[in-house]
Amino acid sequence: MITFKLYWIFLDSIILISLVDSGVFQMSHNTRSKRELLIFYLDKYLQKKNLKMKDFIQNIRFKLLQRNKISLRQFESILEFLKREDAFKAASDQKIIHYFRPLITGITKETKTYEPATISEFQL
């Protein structure tokens, strides 16, 4: 039974890797796929022996597994790792944040602000 679960975890990793490597990584992924992709990368980082942020990354991973969102600040702390991945090397910080936006709290939609017009602007 354990090997069956490990096999599926391994198979999921292969699928995620092939999605990223084949260039299928596009803005059309749904939230579930984005969550799985981010968890995949977090698992990859947690395997590193000299990582000093293991507890922090485990906390982020746990939140994602519970289908909770992470804060913008938490995401920005792992952004430096994500920028080194082949799938994100050509993307700007803002594009990466935008891609994972459904998983992040604290991002507000950009709204245009208008200053109220006064009559003094039109007086001669």
Protein backbone atom coordinates (compact mmCIF):
# COMPACT_ATOMS: atom_id res chain seq x y z
CA MET A 1 0.00 0.00 0.00
CA ILE A 2 2.81 2.42 0.79
CA THR A 3 4.49 1.83 -2.55
CA PHE A 4 1.19 2.59 -4.29
CA LYS A 5 0.98 6.00 -2.61
CA LEU A 6 4.64 6.71 -3.30
CA TYR A 7 4.11 5.73 -6.90
CA TRP A 8 1.25 8.22 -7.30
CA ILE A 9 3.20 10.97 -5.60
CA PHE A 10 6.09 10.22 -7.92
CA LEU A 11 3.75 10.13 -10.93
CA ASP A 12 2.23 13.50 -9.94
CA SER A 13 5.73 14.96 -9.73
CA ILE A 14 6.54 13.68 -13.19
CA ILE A 15 3.34 15.20 -14.57
CA LEU A 16 4.11 18.55 -12.97
CA ILE A 17 7.69 18.48 -14.21
CA SER A 18 6.56 17.61 -17.71
CA LEU A 19 4.00 20.44 -17.63
CA VAL A 20 6.70 22.92 -16.71
CA ASP A 21 9.36 21.52 -19.04
CA SER A 22 7.07 21.27 -22.05
CA GLY A 23 6.08 24.90 -21.82
CA VAL A 24 2.47 24.07 -20.96
CA PHE A 25 2.93 26.44 -18.02
CA GLN A 26 0.55 29.16 -19.09
CA MET A 27 -1.86 31.51 -17.38
CA SER A 28 -4.73 29.10 -18.09
CA HIS A 29 -3.97 26.72 -15.21
CA ASN A 30 -6.65 26.54 -12.59
CA THR A 31 -6.15 27.18 -8.90
CA ARG A 32 -5.72 23.49 -8.07
CA SER A 33 -2.94 23.08 -10.61
CA LYS A 34 -1.23 26.21 -9.34
CA ARG A 35 -1.46 24.96 -5.75
CA GLU A 36 -0.01 21.57 -6.76
CA LEU A 37 2.78 23.24 -8.70
CA LEU A 38 3.73 25.47 -5.77
CA ILE A 39 3.63 22.50 -3.37
CA PHE A 40 5.86 20.59 -5.79
CA TYR A 41 8.45 23.37 -5.71
CA LEU A 42 8.21 23.68 -1.91
CA ASP A 43 8.84 19.93 -1.59
CA LYS A 44 11.85 20.34 -3.83
CA TYR A 45 13.24 23.12 -1.62
CA LEU A 46 12.57 21.13 1.56
CA GLN A 47 14.86 18.38 0.27
CA LYS A 48 17.83 20.73 0.33
CA LYS A 49 20.11 19.94 3.26
CA ASN A 50 21.41 23.43 3.98
CA LEU A 51 18.10 25.27 3.77
CA LYS A 52 17.69 27.52 6.80
CA MET A 53 14.00 28.27 6.22
CA LYS A 54 12.66 24.71 6.47
CA ASP A 55 10.15 25.43 9.22
CA PHE A 56 8.88 28.48 7.39
CA ILE A 57 8.51 26.61 4.08
CA GLN A 58 6.84 23.68 5.84
CA ASN A 59 4.33 26.13 7.30
CA ILE A 60 3.56 27.53 3.84
CA ARG A 61 3.26 24.02 2.44
CA PHE A 62 0.88 23.01 5.24
CA LYS A 63 -1.35 26.02 4.56
CA LEU A 64 -1.51 25.16 0.88
CA LEU A 65 -2.29 21.52 1.62
CA GLN A 66 -5.17 22.71 3.83
CA ARG A 67 -6.40 24.76 0.84
CA ASN A 68 -5.72 28.00 2.67
CA LYS A 69 -4.15 31.01 1.03
CA ILE A 70 -0.74 32.36 1.97
CA SER A 71 0.05 36.00 2.56
CA LEU A 72 1.79 38.16 0.02
CA ARG A 73 4.72 38.47 2.39
CA GLN A 74 5.06 34.69 2.67
CA PHE A 75 4.95 34.36 -1.10
CA GLU A 76 7.55 37.08 -1.57
CA SER A 77 9.90 35.15 0.70
CA ILE A 78 9.82 32.12 -1.63
CA LEU A 79 9.75 34.22 -4.78
CA GLU A 80 13.56 34.31 -4.92
CA PHE A 81 13.59 30.51 -5.11
CA LEU A 82 10.87 30.41 -7.76
CA LYS A 83 12.70 32.91 -9.98
CA ARG A 84 15.54 30.40 -10.35
CA GLU A 85 13.25 27.71 -11.78
CA ASP A 86 13.39 27.19 -15.54
CA ALA A 87 9.67 27.82 -15.91
CA PHE A 88 9.93 31.26 -14.31
CA LYS A 89 13.39 32.49 -15.38
CA ALA A 90 12.02 34.68 -18.14
CA ALA A 91 9.12 35.99 -16.05
CA SER A 92 9.19 39.15 -13.96
CA ASP A 93 8.34 39.16 -10.28
CA GLN A 94 4.94 40.68 -11.06
CA LYS A 95 4.12 37.97 -13.62
CA ILE A 96 4.99 35.22 -11.15
CA ILE A 97 2.90 36.87 -8.45
CA HIS A 98 0.04 37.31 -10.91
CA TYR A 99 0.22 33.63 -11.91
CA PHE A 100 -0.04 32.45 -8.29
CA ARG A 101 -2.52 35.20 -7.37
CA PRO A 102 -5.40 32.80 -6.54
CA LEU A 103 -3.24 31.35 -3.74
CA ILE A 104 -2.21 34.67 -2.20
CA THR A 105 -4.11 36.94 0.18
CA GLY A 106 -3.41 40.63 0.50
CA ILE A 107 -3.34 41.43 -3.19
CA THR A 108 -5.81 44.09 -4.15
CA LYS A 109 -7.03 44.71 -7.64
CA GLU A 110 -5.50 47.72 -9.27
CA THR A 111 -8.08 50.47 -9.31
CA LYS A 112 -7.84 53.81 -10.98
CA THR A 113 -8.08 56.70 -8.61
CA TYR A 114 -9.59 59.93 -9.71
CA GLU A 115 -9.16 63.21 -7.94
CA PRO A 116 -12.37 65.13 -7.60
CA ALA A 117 -12.70 68.02 -10.01
CA THR A 118 -13.21 71.44 -8.52
CA ILE A 119 -14.79 74.45 -10.11
CA SER A 120 -11.64 76.49 -9.51
CA GLU A 121 -9.91 74.58 -12.28
CA PHE A 122 -12.38 76.02 -14.81
CA GLN A 123 -12.53 79.61 -13.58
CA LEU A 124 -10.74 82.26 -15.59
